[in-house]
Amino acid sequence: MAREKKAAPAAAAPDPASLSFEEAMERLQGIVEDLEGGSLSLEESIARYEEGVKLSRRLTQTLDEAEKRIERLAEGAGGEPVTEPMELESSPAEDREGTGKPARGSGRAGPAGPGEPDELPF
């Protein structure tokens, strides 16, 4: 009887496209907990894994689309706030340092240019 109880959610799995982002995240978390629990049969585990992969792909796509829409607030020419597209090309290390230079270890440093401090080659 316990097997029938666990098989029901897999059979009634909602279409990932019909779920909100938050609902899809909750469903994916539940799937991970079920798989980690180790009490599912092989068939149930495979079905949950496949559902989890579909949810993961949808969530990743949603996040990628949201990232493209991010804007940052900046000061306009007259001092008024304006929005402009966020530059997502920099690495997290660059964002923390705020220098716009490549992160450490990304290449050999050459001689320092005008106004630049000497950099170590590592």
PDB file of N, CA and C in Angstrom:
ATOM      1  N   MET A   1       0.817  -1.192   0.000  1.00  0.00           N
ATOM      2  CA  MET A   1       0.000   0.000   0.000  1.00  0.00           C
ATOM      3  C   MET A   1       0.864   1.261   0.000  1.00  0.00           C
ATOM      4  N   ALA A   2       2.031   1.176   0.639  1.00  0.00           N
ATOM      5  CA  ALA A   2       2.928   2.328   0.648  1.00  0.00           C
ATOM      6  C   ALA A   2       3.438   2.635  -0.744  1.00  0.00           C
ATOM      7  N   ARG A   3       3.627   1.597  -1.568  1.00  0.00           N
ATOM      8  CA  ARG A   3       4.096   1.827  -2.938  1.00  0.00           C
ATOM      9  C   ARG A   3       3.054   2.587  -3.741  1.00  0.00           C
ATOM     10  N   GLU A   4       1.778   2.252  -3.562  1.00  0.00           N
ATOM     11  CA  GLU A   4       0.724   2.947  -4.305  1.00  0.00           C
ATOM     12  C   GLU A   4       0.700   4.425  -3.927  1.00  0.00           C
ATOM     13  N   LYS A   5       0.947   4.718  -2.666  1.00  0.00           N
ATOM     14  CA  LYS A   5       0.929   6.095  -2.197  1.00  0.00           C
ATOM     15  C   LYS A   5       2.040   6.910  -2.858  1.00  0.00           C
ATOM     16  N   LYS A   6       3.220   6.306  -3.021  1.00  0.00           N
ATOM     17  CA  LYS A   6       4.345   7.021  -3.616  1.00  0.00           C
ATOM     18  C   LYS A   6       4.228   7.103  -5.127  1.00  0.00           C
ATOM     19  N   ALA A   7       3.557   6.150  -5.751  1.00  0.00           N
ATOM     20  CA  ALA A   7       3.429   6.155  -7.200  1.00  0.00           C
ATOM     21  C   ALA A   7       2.444   7.219  -7.666  1.00  0.00           C
ATOM     22  N   ALA A   8       1.493   7.583  -6.847  1.00  0.00           N
ATOM     23  CA  ALA A   8       0.467   8.550  -7.237  1.00  0.00           C
ATOM     24  C   ALA A   8       1.050   9.911  -7.613  1.00  0.00           C
ATOM     25  N   PRO A   9       1.972  10.512  -6.815  1.00  0.00           N
ATOM     26  CA  PRO A   9       2.506  11.818  -7.219  1.00  0.00           C
ATOM     27  C   PRO A   9       3.235  11.779  -8.551  1.00  0.00           C
ATOM     28  N   ALA A  10       3.931  10.691  -8.853  1.00  0.00           N
ATOM     29  CA  ALA A  10       4.646  10.612 -10.120  1.00  0.00           C
ATOM     30  C   ALA A  10       3.663  10.559 -11.274  1.00  0.00           C
ATOM     31  N   ALA A  11       2.551   9.835 -11.105  1.00  0.00           N
ATOM     32  CA  ALA A  11       1.543   9.724 -12.156  1.00  0.00           C
ATOM     33  C   ALA A  11       0.817  11.060 -12.334  1.00  0.00           C
ATOM     34  N   ALA A  12       0.678  11.807 -11.247  1.00  0.00           N
ATOM     35  CA  ALA A  12      -0.044  13.074 -11.298  1.00  0.00           C
ATOM     36  C   ALA A  12       0.912  14.253 -11.427  1.00  0.00           C
ATOM     37  N   ALA A  13       2.101  14.014 -11.940  1.00  0.00           N
ATOM     38  CA  ALA A  13       3.084  15.084 -12.073  1.00  0.00           C
ATOM     39  C   ALA A  13       2.559  16.164 -13.005  1.00  0.00           C
ATOM     40  N   PRO A  14       2.566  17.413 -12.542  1.00  0.00           N
ATOM     41  CA  PRO A  14       2.083  18.501 -13.383  1.00  0.00           C
ATOM     42  C   PRO A  14       3.062  18.807 -14.509  1.00  0.00           C
ATOM     43  N   ASP A  15       2.538  19.395 -15.566  1.00  0.00           N
ATOM     44  CA  ASP A  15       3.374  19.826 -16.687  1.00  0.00           C
ATOM     45  C   ASP A  15       4.264  20.967 -16.199  1.00  0.00           C
ATOM     46  N   PRO A  16       5.595  20.854 -16.364  1.00  0.00           N
ATOM     47  CA  PRO A  16       6.489  21.913 -15.873  1.00  0.00           C
ATOM     48  C   PRO A  16       6.137  23.299 -16.401  1.00  0.00           C
ATOM     49  N   ALA A  17       5.626  23.382 -17.621  1.00  0.00           N
ATOM     50  CA  ALA A  17       5.300  24.681 -18.206  1.00  0.00           C
ATOM     51  C   ALA A  17       4.101  25.334 -17.521  1.00  0.00           C
ATOM     52  N   SER A  18       3.271  24.532 -16.840  1.00  0.00           N
ATOM     53  CA  SER A  18       2.075  25.083 -16.200  1.00  0.00           C
ATOM     54  C   SER A  18       2.356  25.603 -14.797  1.00  0.00           C
ATOM     55  N   LEU A  19       3.551  25.335 -14.254  1.00  0.00           N
ATOM     56  CA  LEU A  19       3.887  25.750 -12.898  1.00  0.00           C
ATOM     57  C   LEU A  19       4.550  27.122 -12.891  1.00  0.00           C
ATOM     58  N   SER A  20       4.310  27.866 -11.815  1.00  0.00           N
ATOM     59  CA  SER A  20       5.054  29.113 -11.637  1.00  0.00           C
ATOM     60  C   SER A  20       6.487  28.754 -11.284  1.00  0.00           C
ATOM     61  N   PHE A  21       7.374  29.728 -11.323  1.00  0.00           N
ATOM     62  CA  PHE A  21       8.770  29.487 -10.992  1.00  0.00           C
ATOM     63  C   PHE A  21       8.891  28.904  -9.580  1.00  0.00           C
ATOM     64  N   GLU A  22       8.174  29.504  -8.625  1.00  0.00           N
ATOM     65  CA  GLU A  22       8.243  29.060  -7.237  1.00  0.00           C
ATOM     66  C   GLU A  22       7.689  27.654  -7.076  1.00  0.00           C
ATOM     67  N   GLU A  23       6.583  27.349  -7.749  1.00  0.00           N
ATOM     68  CA  GLU A  23       6.005  25.999  -7.678  1.00  0.00           C
ATOM     69  C   GLU A  23       6.956  24.968  -8.277  1.00  0.00           C
ATOM     70  N   ALA A  24       7.603  25.326  -9.381  1.00  0.00           N
ATOM     71  CA  ALA A  24       8.556  24.415 -10.018  1.00  0.00           C
ATOM     72  C   ALA A  24       9.742  24.164  -9.095  1.00  0.00           C
ATOM     73  N   MET A  25      10.219  25.206  -8.401  1.00  0.00           N
ATOM     74  CA  MET A  25      11.326  25.036  -7.452  1.00  0.00           C
ATOM     75  C   MET A  25      10.922  24.102  -6.313  1.00  0.00           C
ATOM     76  N   GLU A  26       9.727  24.309  -5.778  1.00  0.00           N
ATOM     77  CA  GLU A  26       9.254  23.451  -4.693  1.00  0.00           C
ATOM     78  C   GLU A  26       9.128  22.007  -5.157  1.00  0.00           C
ATOM     79  N   ARG A  27       8.605  21.820  -6.364  1.00  0.00           N
ATOM     80  CA  ARG A  27       8.462  20.463  -6.899  1.00  0.00           C
ATOM     81  C   ARG A  27       9.833  19.823  -7.082  1.00  0.00           C
ATOM     82  N   LEU A  28      10.783  20.563  -7.599  1.00  0.00           N
ATOM     83  CA  LEU A  28      12.132  20.040  -7.795  1.00  0.00           C
ATOM     84  C   LEU A  28      12.772  19.682  -6.451  1.00  0.00           C
ATOM     85  N   GLN A  29      12.582  20.510  -5.445  1.00  0.00           N
ATOM     86  CA  GLN A  29      13.111  20.205  -4.118  1.00  0.00           C
ATOM     87  C   GLN A  29      12.490  18.927  -3.562  1.00  0.00           C
ATOM     88  N   GLY A  30      11.188  18.757  -3.778  1.00  0.00           N
ATOM     89  CA  GLY A  30      10.519  17.534  -3.337  1.00  0.00           C
ATOM     90  C   GLY A  30      11.062  16.305  -4.038  1.00  0.00           C
ATOM     91  N   ILE A  31      11.337  16.432  -5.326  1.00  0.00           N
ATOM     92  CA  ILE A  31      11.895  15.319  -6.100  1.00  0.00           C
ATOM     93  C   ILE A  31      13.266  14.942  -5.561  1.00  0.00           C
ATOM     94  N   VAL A  32      14.092  15.942  -5.287  1.00  0.00           N
ATOM     95  CA  VAL A  32      15.436  15.680  -4.750  1.00  0.00           C
ATOM     96  C   VAL A  32      15.324  14.961  -3.407  1.00  0.00           C
ATOM     97  N   GLU A  33      14.416  15.416  -2.541  1.00  0.00           N
ATOM     98  CA  GLU A  33      14.228  14.768  -1.239  1.00  0.00           C
ATOM     99  C   GLU A  33      13.770  13.326  -1.415  1.00  0.00           C
ATOM    100  N   ASP A  34      12.842  13.087  -2.349  1.00  0.00           N
ATOM    101  CA  ASP A  34      12.363  11.724  -2.601  1.00  0.00           C
ATOM    102  C   ASP A  34      13.504  10.828  -3.076  1.00  0.00           C
ATOM    103  N   LEU A  35      14.315  11.339  -4.005  1.00  0.00           N
ATOM    104  CA  LEU A  35      15.427  10.544  -4.528  1.00  0.00           C
ATOM    105  C   LEU A  35      16.488  10.276  -3.456  1.00  0.00           C
ATOM    106  N   GLU A  36      16.768  11.287  -2.640  1.00  0.00           N
ATOM    107  CA  GLU A  36      17.755  11.109  -1.579  1.00  0.00           C
ATOM    108  C   GLU A  36      17.253  10.172  -0.485  1.00  0.00           C
ATOM    109  N   GLY A  37      15.931  10.098  -0.319  1.00  0.00           N
ATOM    110  CA  GLY A  37      15.345   9.235   0.706  1.00  0.00           C
ATOM    111  C   GLY A  37      15.619   7.762   0.457  1.00  0.00           C
ATOM    112  N   GLY A  38      15.759   7.393  -0.811  1.00  0.00           N
ATOM    113  CA  GLY A  38      16.096   6.018  -1.148  1.00  0.00           C
ATOM    114  C   GLY A  38      14.962   5.021  -1.000  1.00  0.00           C
ATOM    115  N   SER A  39      13.735   5.466  -0.812  1.00  0.00           N
ATOM    116  CA  SER A  39      12.629   4.531  -0.612  1.00  0.00           C
ATOM    117  C   SER A  39      11.823   4.293  -1.890  1.00  0.00           C
ATOM    118  N   LEU A  40      12.211   4.902  -2.989  1.00  0.00           N
ATOM    119  CA  LEU A  40      11.490   4.714  -4.245  1.00  0.00           C
ATOM    120  C   LEU A  40      12.003   3.491  -4.983  1.00  0.00           C
ATOM    121  N   SER A  41      11.130   2.898  -5.779  1.00  0.00           N
ATOM    122  CA  SER A  41      11.567   1.799  -6.631  1.00  0.00           C
ATOM    123  C   SER A  41      12.411   2.367  -7.768  1.00  0.00           C
ATOM    124  N   LEU A  42      13.060   1.504  -8.500  1.00  0.00           N
ATOM    125  CA  LEU A  42      13.896   1.951  -9.617  1.00  0.00           C
ATOM    126  C   LEU A  42      13.056   2.717 -10.635  1.00  0.00           C
ATOM    127  N   GLU A  43      11.886   2.181 -10.976  1.00  0.00           N
ATOM    128  CA  GLU A  43      11.017   2.836 -11.959  1.00  0.00           C
ATOM    129  C   GLU A  43      10.568   4.214 -11.472  1.00  0.00           C
ATOM    130  N   GLU A  44      10.199   4.295 -10.188  1.00  0.00           N
ATOM    131  CA  GLU A  44       9.781   5.581  -9.626  1.00  0.00           C
ATOM    132  C   GLU A  44      10.947   6.567  -9.597  1.00  0.00           C
ATOM    133  N   SER A  45      12.120   6.072  -9.251  1.00  0.00           N
ATOM    134  CA  SER A  45      13.307   6.941  -9.210  1.00  0.00           C
ATOM    135  C   SER A  45      13.614   7.504 -10.591  1.00  0.00           C
ATOM    136  N   ILE A  46      13.534   6.655 -11.612  1.00  0.00           N
ATOM    137  CA  ILE A  46      13.810   7.115 -12.978  1.00  0.00           C
ATOM    138  C   ILE A  46      12.782   8.147 -13.408  1.00  0.00           C
ATOM    139  N   ALA A  47      11.510   7.898 -13.104  1.00  0.00           N
ATOM    140  CA  ALA A  47      10.448   8.837 -13.476  1.00  0.00           C
ATOM    141  C   ALA A  47      10.644  10.184 -12.775  1.00  0.00           C
ATOM    142  N   ARG A  48      10.978  10.152 -11.502  1.00  0.00           N
ATOM    143  CA  ARG A  48      11.205  11.402 -10.759  1.00  0.00           C
ATOM    144  C   ARG A  48      12.439  12.122 -11.281  1.00  0.00           C
ATOM    145  N   TYR A  49      13.483  11.371 -11.578  1.00  0.00           N
ATOM    146  CA  TYR A  49      14.700  11.973 -12.120  1.00  0.00           C
ATOM    147  C   TYR A  49      14.403  12.687 -13.435  1.00  0.00           C
ATOM    148  N   GLU A  50      13.671  12.026 -14.324  1.00  0.00           N
ATOM    149  CA  GLU A  50      13.327  12.637 -15.612  1.00  0.00           C
ATOM    150  C   GLU A  50      12.488  13.891 -15.414  1.00  0.00           C
ATOM    151  N   GLU A  51      11.543  13.845 -14.484  1.00  0.00           N
ATOM    152  CA  GLU A  51      10.738  15.031 -14.193  1.00  0.00           C
ATOM    153  C   GLU A  51      11.625  16.146 -13.641  1.00  0.00           C
ATOM    154  N   GLY A  52      12.571  15.779 -12.777  1.00  0.00           N
ATOM    155  CA  GLY A  52      13.485  16.760 -12.215  1.00  0.00           C
ATOM    156  C   GLY A  52      14.344  17.425 -13.271  1.00  0.00           C
ATOM    157  N   VAL A  53      14.796  16.660 -14.254  1.00  0.00           N
ATOM    158  CA  VAL A  53      15.606  17.221 -15.342  1.00  0.00           C
ATOM    159  C   VAL A  53      14.770  18.225 -16.136  1.00  0.00           C
ATOM    160  N   LYS A  54      13.524  17.876 -16.431  1.00  0.00           N
ATOM    161  CA  LYS A  54      12.650  18.805 -17.167  1.00  0.00           C
ATOM    162  C   LYS A  54      12.440  20.089 -16.368  1.00  0.00           C
ATOM    163  N   LEU A  55      12.193  19.945 -15.068  1.00  0.00           N
ATOM    164  CA  LEU A  55      11.994  21.124 -14.227  1.00  0.00           C
ATOM    165  C   LEU A  55      13.267  21.964 -14.174  1.00  0.00           C
ATOM    166  N   SER A  56      14.389  21.314 -14.032  1.00  0.00           N
ATOM    167  CA  SER A  56      15.668  22.024 -13.962  1.00  0.00           C
ATOM    168  C   SER A  56      15.921  22.819 -15.244  1.00  0.00           C
ATOM    169  N   ARG A  57      15.650  22.227 -16.379  1.00  0.00           N
ATOM    170  CA  ARG A  57      15.839  22.930 -17.659  1.00  0.00           C
ATOM    171  C   ARG A  57      14.915  24.134 -17.760  1.00  0.00           C
ATOM    172  N   ARG A  58      13.667  23.958 -17.340  1.00  0.00           N
ATOM    173  CA  ARG A  58      12.721  25.071 -17.398  1.00  0.00           C
ATOM    174  C   ARG A  58      13.148  26.192 -16.458  1.00  0.00           C
ATOM    175  N   LEU A  59      13.575  25.847 -15.253  1.00  0.00           N
ATOM    176  CA  LEU A  59      14.014  26.857 -14.292  1.00  0.00           C
ATOM    177  C   LEU A  59      15.246  27.601 -14.795  1.00  0.00           C
ATOM    178  N   THR A  60      16.177  26.882 -15.382  1.00  0.00           N
ATOM    179  CA  THR A  60      17.377  27.505 -15.934  1.00  0.00           C
ATOM    180  C   THR A  60      17.016  28.464 -17.062  1.00  0.00           C
ATOM    181  N   GLN A  61      16.092  28.056 -17.914  1.00  0.00           N
ATOM    182  CA  GLN A  61      15.654  28.916 -19.013  1.00  0.00           C
ATOM    183  C   GLN A  61      14.989  30.180 -18.468  1.00  0.00           C
ATOM    184  N   THR A  62      14.156  30.022 -17.448  1.00  0.00           N
ATOM    185  CA  THR A  62      13.485  31.175 -16.850  1.00  0.00           C
ATOM    186  C   THR A  62      14.497  32.139 -16.244  1.00  0.00           C
ATOM    187  N   LEU A  63      15.499  31.606 -15.555  1.00  0.00           N
ATOM    188  CA  LEU A  63      16.531  32.465 -14.958  1.00  0.00           C
ATOM    189  C   LEU A  63      17.366  33.163 -16.028  1.00  0.00           C
ATOM    190  N   ASP A  64      17.692  32.452 -17.101  1.00  0.00           N
ATOM    191  CA  ASP A  64      18.455  33.060 -18.200  1.00  0.00           C
ATOM    192  C   ASP A  64      17.676  34.219 -18.816  1.00  0.00           C
ATOM    193  N   GLU A  65      16.370  34.024 -19.005  1.00  0.00           N
ATOM    194  CA  GLU A  65      15.536  35.089 -19.574  1.00  0.00           C
ATOM    195  C   GLU A  65      15.458  36.277 -18.622  1.00  0.00           C
ATOM    196  N   ALA A  66      15.337  36.011 -17.332  1.00  0.00           N
ATOM    197  CA  ALA A  66      15.269  37.095 -16.350  1.00  0.00           C
ATOM    198  C   ALA A  66      16.581  37.864 -16.311  1.00  0.00           C
ATOM    199  N   GLU A  67      17.699  37.154 -16.411  1.00  0.00           N
ATOM    200  CA  GLU A  67      19.007  37.804 -16.393  1.00  0.00           C
ATOM    201  C   GLU A  67      19.156  38.775 -17.554  1.00  0.00           C
ATOM    202  N   LYS A  68      18.606  38.431 -18.698  1.00  0.00           N
ATOM    203  CA  LYS A  68      18.696  39.303 -19.870  1.00  0.00           C
ATOM    204  C   LYS A  68      17.881  40.578 -19.683  1.00  0.00           C
ATOM    205  N   ARG A  69      16.879  40.539 -18.806  1.00  0.00           N
ATOM    206  CA  ARG A  69      16.002  41.685 -18.615  1.00  0.00           C
ATOM    207  C   ARG A  69      16.447  42.608 -17.493  1.00  0.00           C
ATOM    208  N   ILE A  70      17.464  42.221 -16.754  1.00  0.00           N
ATOM    209  CA  ILE A  70      17.904  43.023 -15.611  1.00  0.00           C
ATOM    210  C   ILE A  70      18.426  44.373 -16.084  1.00  0.00           C
ATOM    211  N   GLU A  71      18.003  45.392 -15.399  1.00  0.00           N
ATOM    212  CA  GLU A  71      18.491  46.737 -15.676  1.00  0.00           C
ATOM    213  C   GLU A  71      19.054  47.296 -14.389  1.00  0.00           C
ATOM    214  N   ARG A  72      19.934  48.260 -14.529  1.00  0.00           N
ATOM    215  CA  ARG A  72      20.464  48.890 -13.332  1.00  0.00           C
ATOM    216  C   ARG A  72      20.050  50.348 -13.312  1.00  0.00           C
ATOM    217  N   LEU A  73      19.961  50.887 -12.128  1.00  0.00           N
ATOM    218  CA  LEU A  73      19.599  52.275 -11.942  1.00  0.00           C
ATOM    219  C   LEU A  73      20.864  53.106 -11.989  1.00  0.00           C
ATOM    220  N   ALA A  74      20.848  54.145 -12.826  1.00  0.00           N
ATOM    221  CA  ALA A  74      22.014  55.004 -12.980  1.00  0.00           C
ATOM    222  C   ALA A  74      21.561  56.461 -12.924  1.00  0.00           C
ATOM    223  N   GLU A  75      22.519  57.342 -12.799  1.00  0.00           N
ATOM    224  CA  GLU A  75      22.219  58.769 -12.774  1.00  0.00           C
ATOM    225  C   GLU A  75      22.332  59.326 -14.183  1.00  0.00           C
ATOM    226  N   GLY A  76      21.274  59.987 -14.653  1.00  0.00           N
ATOM    227  CA  GLY A  76      21.266  60.565 -15.984  1.00  0.00           C
ATOM    228  C   GLY A  76      22.073  61.852 -16.043  1.00  0.00           C
ATOM    229  N   ALA A  77      22.130  62.444 -17.236  1.00  0.00           N
ATOM    230  CA  ALA A  77      22.913  63.662 -17.453  1.00  0.00           C
ATOM    231  C   ALA A  77      22.452  64.804 -16.553  1.00  0.00           C
ATOM    232  N   GLY A  78      21.157  64.917 -16.325  1.00  0.00           N
ATOM    233  CA  GLY A  78      20.634  65.998 -15.488  1.00  0.00           C
ATOM    234  C   GLY A  78      20.511  65.604 -14.031  1.00  0.00           C
ATOM    235  N   GLY A  79      21.043  64.462 -13.648  1.00  0.00           N
ATOM    236  CA  GLY A  79      20.982  64.027 -12.264  1.00  0.00           C
ATOM    237  C   GLY A  79      19.759  63.175 -11.956  1.00  0.00           C
ATOM    238  N   GLU A  80      18.872  63.016 -12.941  1.00  0.00           N
ATOM    239  CA  GLU A  80      17.661  62.218 -12.722  1.00  0.00           C
ATOM    240  C   GLU A  80      17.991  60.726 -12.854  1.00  0.00           C
ATOM    241  N   PRO A  81      17.266  59.882 -12.127  1.00  0.00           N
ATOM    242  CA  PRO A  81      17.530  58.444 -12.231  1.00  0.00           C
ATOM    243  C   PRO A  81      17.011  57.888 -13.563  1.00  0.00           C
ATOM    244  N   VAL A  82      17.822  57.080 -14.191  1.00  0.00           N
ATOM    245  CA  VAL A  82      17.455  56.412 -15.433  1.00  0.00           C
ATOM    246  C   VAL A  82      17.867  54.945 -15.319  1.00  0.00           C
ATOM    247  N   THR A  83      17.253  54.103 -16.120  1.00  0.00           N
ATOM    248  CA  THR A  83      17.664  52.704 -16.142  1.00  0.00           C
ATOM    249  C   THR A  83      18.414  52.430 -17.431  1.00  0.00           C
ATOM    250  N   GLU A  84      19.365  51.532 -17.339  1.00  0.00           N
ATOM    251  CA  GLU A  84      20.123  51.123 -18.518  1.00  0.00           C
ATOM    252  C   GLU A  84      20.389  49.631 -18.389  1.00  0.00           C
ATOM    253  N   PRO A  85      20.612  48.964 -19.513  1.00  0.00           N
ATOM    254  CA  PRO A  85      20.853  47.522 -19.451  1.00  0.00           C
ATOM    255  C   PRO A  85      22.057  47.202 -18.571  1.00  0.00           C
ATOM    256  N   MET A  86      21.927  46.136 -17.822  1.00  0.00           N
ATOM    257  CA  MET A  86      23.009  45.695 -16.946  1.00  0.00           C
ATOM    258  C   MET A  86      24.029  44.941 -17.770  1.00  0.00           C
ATOM    259  N   GLU A  87      25.292  45.247 -17.580  1.00  0.00           N
ATOM    260  CA  GLU A  87      26.351  44.528 -18.274  1.00  0.00           C
ATOM    261  C   GLU A  87      26.631  43.256 -17.497  1.00  0.00           C
ATOM    262  N   LEU A  88      26.413  42.117 -18.139  1.00  0.00           N
ATOM    263  CA  LEU A  88      26.583  40.831 -17.478  1.00  0.00           C
ATOM    264  C   LEU A  88      27.834  40.115 -17.936  1.00  0.00           C
ATOM    265  N   GLU A  89      28.726  40.812 -18.608  1.00  0.00           N
ATOM    266  CA  GLU A  89      29.932  40.212 -19.161  1.00  0.00           C
ATOM    267  C   GLU A  89      31.012  39.987 -18.108  1.00  0.00           C
ATOM    268  N   SER A  90      31.010  40.747 -17.013  1.00  0.00           N
ATOM    269  CA  SER A  90      32.094  40.659 -16.043  1.00  0.00           C
ATOM    270  C   SER A  90      31.924  39.448 -15.145  1.00  0.00           C
ATOM    271  N   SER A  91      33.040  39.013 -14.582  1.00  0.00           N
ATOM    272  CA  SER A  91      33.013  37.892 -13.659  1.00  0.00           C
ATOM    273  C   SER A  91      32.716  38.402 -12.264  1.00  0.00           C
ATOM    274  N   PRO A  92      32.301  37.523 -11.332  1.00  0.00           N
ATOM    275  CA  PRO A  92      32.036  37.968  -9.961  1.00  0.00           C
ATOM    276  C   PRO A  92      33.247  38.616  -9.309  1.00  0.00           C
ATOM    277  N   ALA A  93      34.447  38.157  -9.625  1.00  0.00           N
ATOM    278  CA  ALA A  93      35.652  38.748  -9.037  1.00  0.00           C
ATOM    279  C   ALA A  93      35.792  40.193  -9.493  1.00  0.00           C
ATOM    280  N   GLU A  94      35.486  40.462 -10.752  1.00  0.00           N
ATOM    281  CA  GLU A  94      35.569  41.829 -11.261  1.00  0.00           C
ATOM    282  C   GLU A  94      34.538  42.714 -10.592  1.00  0.00           C
ATOM    283  N   ASP A  95      33.330  42.170 -10.364  1.00  0.00           N
ATOM    284  CA  ASP A  95      32.287  42.959  -9.736  1.00  0.00           C
ATOM    285  C   ASP A  95      32.673  43.354  -8.322  1.00  0.00           C
ATOM    286  N   ARG A  96      33.314  42.445  -7.603  1.00  0.00           N
ATOM    287  CA  ARG A  96      33.713  42.754  -6.235  1.00  0.00           C
ATOM    288  C   ARG A  96      34.821  43.793  -6.203  1.00  0.00           C
ATOM    289  N   GLU A  97      35.760  43.664  -7.122  1.00  0.00           N
ATOM    290  CA  GLU A  97      36.885  44.590  -7.130  1.00  0.00           C
ATOM    291  C   GLU A  97      36.509  45.916  -7.766  1.00  0.00           C
ATOM    292  N   GLY A  98      35.573  45.884  -8.711  1.00  0.00           N
ATOM    293  CA  GLY A  98      35.143  47.099  -9.366  1.00  0.00           C
ATOM    294  C   GLY A  98      36.182  47.711 -10.270  1.00  0.00           C
ATOM    295  N   THR A  99      37.186  46.946 -10.685  1.00  0.00           N
ATOM    296  CA  THR A  99      38.268  47.504 -11.487  1.00  0.00           C
ATOM    297  C   THR A  99      38.053  47.331 -12.970  1.00  0.00           C
ATOM    298  N   GLY A 100      37.231  46.317 -13.344  1.00  0.00           N
ATOM    299  CA  GLY A 100      37.042  46.040 -14.757  1.00  0.00           C
ATOM    300  C   GLY A 100      38.201  45.298 -15.365  1.00  0.00           C
ATOM    301  N   LYS A 101      39.229  44.966 -14.568  1.00  0.00           N
ATOM    302  CA  LYS A 101      40.378  44.213 -15.054  1.00  0.00           C
ATOM    303  C   LYS A 101      40.089  42.730 -14.954  1.00  0.00           C
ATOM    304  N   PRO A 102      40.750  41.918 -15.732  1.00  0.00           N
ATOM    305  CA  PRO A 102      40.545  40.479 -15.639  1.00  0.00           C
ATOM    306  C   PRO A 102      40.852  39.968 -14.240  1.00  0.00           C
ATOM    307  N   ALA A 103      40.144  38.910 -13.870  1.00  0.00           N
ATOM    308  CA  ALA A 103      40.363  38.313 -12.560  1.00  0.00           C
ATOM    309  C   ALA A 103      41.774  37.739 -12.476  1.00  0.00           C
ATOM    310  N   ARG A 104      42.264  37.627 -11.282  1.00  0.00           N
ATOM    311  CA  ARG A 104      43.601  37.106 -11.038  1.00  0.00           C
ATOM    312  C   ARG A 104      43.755  35.710 -11.619  1.00  0.00           C
ATOM    313  N   GLY A 105      44.862  35.474 -12.248  1.00  0.00           N
ATOM    314  CA  GLY A 105      45.134  34.165 -12.808  1.00  0.00           C
ATOM    315  C   GLY A 105      44.562  33.983 -14.199  1.00  0.00           C
ATOM    316  N   SER A 106      43.990  35.044 -14.771  1.00  0.00           N
ATOM    317  CA  SER A 106      43.376  34.912 -16.090  1.00  0.00           C
ATOM    318  C   SER A 106      44.360  35.133 -17.228  1.00  0.00           C
ATOM    319  N   GLY A 107      45.561  35.503 -16.917  1.00  0.00           N
ATOM    320  CA  GLY A 107      46.567  35.716 -17.955  1.00  0.00           C
ATOM    321  C   GLY A 107      47.811  36.335 -17.355  1.00  0.00           C
ATOM    322  N   ARG A 108      48.828  36.470 -18.165  1.00  0.00           N
ATOM    323  CA  ARG A 108      50.071  37.059 -17.673  1.00  0.00           C
ATOM    324  C   ARG A 108      49.949  38.569 -17.683  1.00  0.00           C
ATOM    325  N   ALA A 109      50.476  39.172 -16.667  1.00  0.00           N
ATOM    326  CA  ALA A 109      50.466  40.628 -16.606  1.00  0.00           C
ATOM    327  C   ALA A 109      51.695  41.158 -17.305  1.00  0.00           C
ATOM    328  N   GLY A 110      51.514  42.162 -18.104  1.00  0.00           N
ATOM    329  CA  GLY A 110      52.632  42.787 -18.784  1.00  0.00           C
ATOM    330  C   GLY A 110      53.130  43.948 -17.953  1.00  0.00           C
ATOM    331  N   PRO A 111      53.985  44.766 -18.542  1.00  0.00           N
ATOM    332  CA  PRO A 111      54.462  45.945 -17.823  1.00  0.00           C
ATOM    333  C   PRO A 111      53.290  46.873 -17.521  1.00  0.00           C
ATOM    334  N   ALA A 112      53.377  47.547 -16.414  1.00  0.00           N
ATOM    335  CA  ALA A 112      52.302  48.441 -16.012  1.00  0.00           C
ATOM    336  C   ALA A 112      52.195  49.605 -16.983  1.00  0.00           C
ATOM    337  N   GLY A 113      50.962  49.956 -17.312  1.00  0.00           N
ATOM    338  CA  GLY A 113      50.721  51.087 -18.189  1.00  0.00           C
ATOM    339  C   GLY A 113      50.734  52.374 -17.389  1.00  0.00           C
ATOM    340  N   PRO A 114      50.511  53.478 -18.048  1.00  0.00           N
ATOM    341  CA  PRO A 114      50.490  54.767 -17.361  1.00  0.00           C
ATOM    342  C   PRO A 114      49.414  54.792 -16.277  1.00  0.00           C
ATOM    343  N   GLY A 115      49.797  55.128 -15.084  1.00  0.00           N
ATOM    344  CA  GLY A 115      48.836  55.258 -13.989  1.00  0.00           C
ATOM    345  C   GLY A 115      48.417  53.930 -13.380  1.00  0.00           C
ATOM    346  N   GLU A 116      48.977  52.822 -13.851  1.00  0.00           N
ATOM    347  CA  GLU A 116      48.606  51.525 -13.298  1.00  0.00           C
ATOM    348  C   GLU A 116      49.728  51.037 -12.387  1.00  0.00           C
ATOM    349  N   PRO A 117      49.370  50.466 -11.237  1.00  0.00           N
ATOM    350  CA  PRO A 117      50.404  49.917 -10.374  1.00  0.00           C
ATOM    351  C   PRO A 117      50.985  48.654 -10.990  1.00  0.00           C
ATOM    352  N   ASP A 118      52.209  48.334 -10.605  1.00  0.00           N
ATOM    353  CA  ASP A 118      52.801  47.090 -11.087  1.00  0.00           C
ATOM    354  C   ASP A 118      51.972  45.919 -10.573  1.00  0.00           C
ATOM    355  N   GLU A 119      51.757  44.933 -11.442  1.00  0.00           N
ATOM    356  CA  GLU A 119      50.987  43.758 -11.059  1.00  0.00           C
ATOM    357  C   GLU A 119      51.896  42.546 -11.099  1.00  0.00           C
ATOM    358  N   LEU A 120      51.634  41.627 -10.195  1.00  0.00           N
ATOM    359  CA  LEU A 120      52.371  40.385 -10.184  1.00  0.00           C
ATOM    360  C   LEU A 120      51.852  39.496 -11.281  1.00  0.00           C
ATOM    361  N   PRO A 121      52.702  38.661 -11.882  1.00  0.00           N
ATOM    362  CA  PRO A 121      52.275  37.836 -13.002  1.00  0.00           C
ATOM    363  C   PRO A 121      51.482  36.593 -12.613  1.00  0.00           C
ATOM    364  N   PHE A 122      50.895  36.568 -11.426  1.00  0.00           N
ATOM    365  CA  PHE A 122      50.088  35.421 -11.025  1.00  0.00           C
ATOM    366  C   PHE A 122      48.858  35.836 -10.306  1.00  0.00           C
TER     367      PHE A 122
END
